[in-house]
Protein backbone atom coordinates (compact mmCIF):
# COMPACT_ATOMS: atom_id res chain seq x y z
CA MET A 1 1.23 -28.36 4.75
CA ALA A 2 0.38 -24.68 4.45
CA THR A 3 -3.26 -23.36 4.99
CA MET A 4 -5.00 -21.98 1.97
CA LEU A 5 -5.75 -18.20 2.29
CA ASP A 6 -9.55 -18.18 1.75
CA LYS A 7 -10.62 -15.32 3.98
CA THR A 8 -9.37 -11.96 5.06
CA LEU A 9 -6.98 -11.61 7.92
CA LYS A 10 -6.38 -8.32 9.77
CA ARG A 11 -3.37 -7.63 11.94
CA GLU A 12 -2.20 -4.43 13.76
CA LEU A 13 1.40 -3.42 13.60
CA GLN A 14 3.53 -0.52 14.70
CA ILE A 15 6.17 1.10 12.46
CA GLY A 16 8.09 3.77 14.39
CA ASP A 17 5.48 5.71 16.35
CA GLU A 18 2.65 5.00 13.89
CA HIS A 19 0.07 2.27 14.21
CA TYR A 20 -1.16 0.43 11.07
CA MET A 21 -3.70 -2.09 10.15
CA LEU A 22 -2.56 -4.86 7.68
CA THR A 23 -5.25 -6.61 5.81
CA ILE A 24 -4.30 -9.79 3.87
CA SER A 25 -7.00 -11.25 1.55
CA PRO A 26 -7.10 -13.79 -1.30
CA ASP A 27 -6.87 -10.72 -3.68
CA GLY A 28 -3.91 -8.96 -2.12
CA LEU A 29 -2.86 -6.84 0.80
CA LYS A 30 -3.61 -3.41 2.14
CA LEU A 31 -1.72 -1.31 4.70
CA VAL A 32 -3.62 1.56 6.27
CA VAL A 33 -2.79 3.99 9.06
CA LYS A 34 -4.99 2.90 12.01
CA GLY A 35 -8.26 4.89 12.05
CA LYS A 36 -8.02 5.83 8.33
CA ARG A 37 -9.75 4.23 5.32
CA ASN A 38 -7.29 4.83 2.52
CA GLY A 39 -3.90 3.22 2.38
CA VAL A 40 -1.41 1.25 0.23
CA GLU A 41 -2.98 -1.61 -1.71
CA LEU A 42 -1.11 -4.33 -3.65
CA GLN A 43 -2.77 -6.97 -5.66
CA TRP A 44 -1.06 -10.42 -5.68
CA VAL A 45 -1.18 -10.33 -9.56
CA ASP A 46 0.90 -7.05 -9.54
CA LEU A 47 3.30 -8.65 -7.13
CA VAL A 48 4.04 -11.74 -9.15
CA SER A 49 3.95 -10.23 -12.63
CA GLY A 50 7.39 -8.48 -12.41
CA GLN A 51 9.43 -5.76 -10.98
CA ALA A 52 8.29 -3.11 -13.33
CA ALA A 53 4.67 -3.63 -12.56
CA LEU A 54 5.46 -3.83 -8.84
CA ALA A 55 7.32 -0.57 -8.89
CA VAL A 56 4.42 1.23 -10.67
CA ALA A 57 1.85 -0.25 -8.32
CA LEU A 58 3.91 0.66 -5.23
CA ASN A 59 4.64 4.17 -6.32
CA ALA A 60 1.01 4.85 -7.12
CA SER A 61 -0.04 3.45 -3.74
CA LEU A 62 2.50 5.42 -1.83
CA ASP A 63 1.50 8.64 -3.54
CA LYS A 64 -2.05 8.05 -2.28
CA LEU A 65 -0.69 7.52 1.27
CA ALA A 66 1.59 10.50 1.31
CA ALA A 67 0.55 13.17 3.81
CA PRO A 68 0.30 16.83 2.85
CA GLY A 69 3.58 18.52 3.32
CA SER A 70 5.74 15.28 2.87
CA ALA A 71 8.40 15.13 0.19
CA SER A 72 6.32 12.94 -2.10
CA ALA A 73 3.19 15.11 -1.66
CA GLN A 74 5.30 18.15 -2.63
CA ARG A 75 6.50 16.65 -5.80
CA GLN A 76 5.00 18.53 -8.76
CA ARG A 77 4.98 17.74 -12.46
CA PRO A 78 6.80 20.12 -14.60
CA SER A 79 4.50 22.58 -16.29
CA ARG A 80 4.00 22.49 -20.02
CA ARG A 81 4.14 25.86 -21.62
């Protein structure tokens, strides 16, 4: 029988040369570069509601995580004239 997730779990992981903190809570998950506060957040509701909602949530979260000078940070919206 599985254990109910009723409190927050934190785990450190390494992806490439970068260290991250993964926080899993009853509300969702959050992945943050170690030593930083802002990162990628995903609510469980967004995960189970469908692929369209998941893609929107992931893209919005990834844009927040993008470092200045990266490809996603350099994306600009076309100007309206």
